Amino acid sequence: QVQLVESGGGLVQAGGSLRLSCAATGTIFSINAMSWYRQAPEKQRELVASLSFRSDGTTHYADSVKGRFTISRDNAKNTAFLQMNSLKPEDTAVYYCYADYNPNPYDFGRFGWGQGTQVTVSS
């Protein structure tokens, strides 16, 4: 089973920056992709950004964060990052890390969620 530990959330003024980290530990043979989701009060959880851990490194961003957020990885440490710049009050939410991983060479497509980290952007 994978454990995902997030860090880096906090309170920031509009226009500021934060960097989130998500470290995956546990029984991991390889990671296929890692993603960041967010959930604001009374709203559904939404995908913010995703990143393939394979050689292509394909990324995907929600339209609302394109040009402001950047997802990156450290394959050796099974860690994903989310650099968030030009933050807006509407970015306020709990941010969750998600991992698509393989526990061993014969078991594919397992997934796990982090506990979430609060990001609050004041106007």
Protein backbone atom coordinates (compact mmCIF):
# COMPACT_ATOMS: atom_id res chain seq x y z
CA GLN A 1 0.00 0.00 0.00
CA VAL A 2 1.18 3.52 -0.77
CA GLN A 3 1.31 6.42 1.65
CA LEU A 4 1.21 9.93 0.21
CA VAL A 5 2.44 12.74 2.42
CA GLU A 6 1.69 16.27 1.29
CA SER A 7 3.28 19.47 2.52
CA GLY A 8 3.58 23.12 1.58
CA GLY A 9 0.07 24.44 2.02
CA GLY A 10 -0.72 27.61 3.90
CA LEU A 11 -2.09 31.14 3.77
CA VAL A 12 -0.90 33.54 1.09
CA GLN A 13 -2.07 36.84 -0.33
CA ALA A 14 -3.46 37.09 -3.83
CA GLY A 15 -0.64 37.22 -6.35
CA GLY A 16 1.64 35.17 -4.15
CA SER A 17 3.15 31.73 -4.60
CA LEU A 18 3.20 28.38 -2.85
CA ARG A 19 4.90 25.08 -3.61
CA LEU A 20 3.23 21.82 -2.67
CA SER A 21 5.11 18.55 -2.31
CA CYS A 22 3.83 14.99 -2.29
CA ALA A 23 6.12 12.12 -1.32
CA ALA A 24 5.02 8.56 -2.03
CA THR A 25 6.31 5.79 0.22
CA GLY A 26 5.43 2.18 0.89
CA THR A 27 5.27 -0.82 -1.41
CA ILE A 28 6.04 0.79 -4.75
CA PHE A 29 7.61 -0.89 -7.74
CA SER A 30 6.95 2.02 -10.08
CA ILE A 31 4.74 5.04 -10.40
CA ASN A 32 2.72 5.61 -13.55
CA ALA A 33 1.47 9.11 -12.80
CA MET A 34 0.84 11.56 -10.00
CA SER A 35 -1.79 14.25 -9.90
CA TRP A 36 -3.07 17.10 -7.79
CA TYR A 37 -6.77 17.58 -7.15
CA ARG A 38 -8.51 20.25 -5.11
CA GLN A 39 -11.82 20.61 -3.35
CA ALA A 40 -13.31 23.91 -2.27
CA PRO A 41 -16.16 24.08 0.26
CA GLU A 42 -19.43 22.82 -1.18
CA LYS A 43 -17.79 22.00 -4.51
CA GLN A 44 -16.78 18.77 -6.16
CA ARG A 45 -13.20 17.62 -6.18
CA GLU A 46 -11.52 18.67 -9.43
CA LEU A 47 -8.33 17.74 -11.23
CA VAL A 48 -5.75 20.53 -11.14
CA ALA A 49 -2.73 18.95 -12.81
CA SER A 50 -1.34 15.54 -13.67
CA LEU A 51 2.08 14.27 -14.70
CA SER A 52 3.23 11.00 -16.20
CA PHE A 53 6.23 9.45 -14.43
CA ARG A 54 7.14 7.59 -17.59
CA SER A 55 9.76 8.88 -20.00
CA ASP A 56 7.29 11.05 -21.94
CA GLY A 57 6.52 13.18 -18.87
CA THR A 58 3.14 14.17 -20.29
CA THR A 59 1.35 16.86 -18.31
CA HIS A 60 -2.24 18.02 -18.13
CA TYR A 61 -3.62 21.16 -16.50
CA ALA A 62 -7.07 22.45 -15.74
CA ASP A 63 -7.85 25.52 -17.84
CA SER A 64 -8.21 27.60 -14.69
CA VAL A 65 -4.55 27.09 -13.71
CA LYS A 66 -2.77 26.97 -17.07
CA GLY A 67 0.13 29.39 -17.17
CA ARG A 68 0.14 29.80 -13.37
CA PHE A 69 0.72 26.30 -11.96
CA THR A 70 3.49 23.87 -12.86
CA ILE A 71 3.63 20.20 -11.91
CA SER A 72 7.01 18.50 -11.73
CA ARG A 73 8.58 15.33 -10.37
CA ASP A 74 11.59 13.74 -8.76
CA ASN A 75 11.48 10.15 -9.96
CA ALA A 76 14.27 8.99 -7.66
CA LYS A 77 12.33 10.19 -4.60
CA ASN A 78 8.84 9.27 -5.87
CA THR A 79 7.84 12.86 -5.26
CA ALA A 80 5.65 15.29 -7.14
CA PHE A 81 5.54 19.04 -6.77
CA LEU A 82 3.00 21.71 -7.63
CA GLN A 83 4.40 25.21 -8.04
CA MET A 84 1.54 27.67 -7.77
CA ASN A 85 2.15 31.27 -8.87
CA SER A 86 -0.14 34.27 -9.25
CA LEU A 87 -2.55 32.74 -6.78
CA LYS A 88 -6.13 33.93 -6.71
CA PRO A 89 -8.77 33.73 -3.96
CA GLU A 90 -10.64 31.20 -6.09
CA ASP A 91 -7.66 28.85 -5.75
CA THR A 92 -8.57 28.43 -2.08
CA ALA A 93 -9.22 24.74 -1.44
CA VAL A 94 -7.89 21.57 0.11
CA TYR A 95 -5.33 20.15 -2.31
CA TYR A 96 -5.00 16.37 -2.56
CA CYS A 97 -2.23 14.30 -4.06
CA TYR A 98 -3.14 11.20 -6.08
CA ALA A 99 -0.82 8.45 -7.29
CA ASP A 100 -1.33 5.75 -9.91
CA TYR A 101 1.29 3.10 -9.13
CA ASN A 102 2.35 -0.53 -9.43
CA PRO A 103 3.16 -2.31 -6.14
CA ASN A 104 5.18 -5.01 -7.90
CA PRO A 105 6.00 -6.14 -11.45
CA TYR A 106 2.83 -8.26 -11.61
CA ASP A 107 0.29 -5.86 -10.04
CA PHE A 108 -0.69 -2.79 -11.99
CA GLY A 109 -2.91 0.25 -11.69
CA ARG A 110 -3.30 0.69 -7.94
CA PHE A 111 -4.05 4.15 -6.63
CA GLY A 112 -3.84 6.16 -3.45
CA TRP A 113 -4.79 9.55 -2.03
CA GLY A 114 -3.00 11.90 0.31
CA GLN A 115 -4.63 13.40 3.38
CA GLY A 116 -4.90 16.86 1.83
CA THR A 117 -3.28 20.20 2.54
CA GLN A 118 -5.14 23.49 2.92
CA VAL A 119 -4.34 26.38 0.60
CA THR A 120 -5.95 29.70 1.46
CA VAL A 121 -5.54 32.78 -0.73
CA SER A 122 -6.65 36.08 0.76
CA SER A 123 -7.76 39.01 -1.36
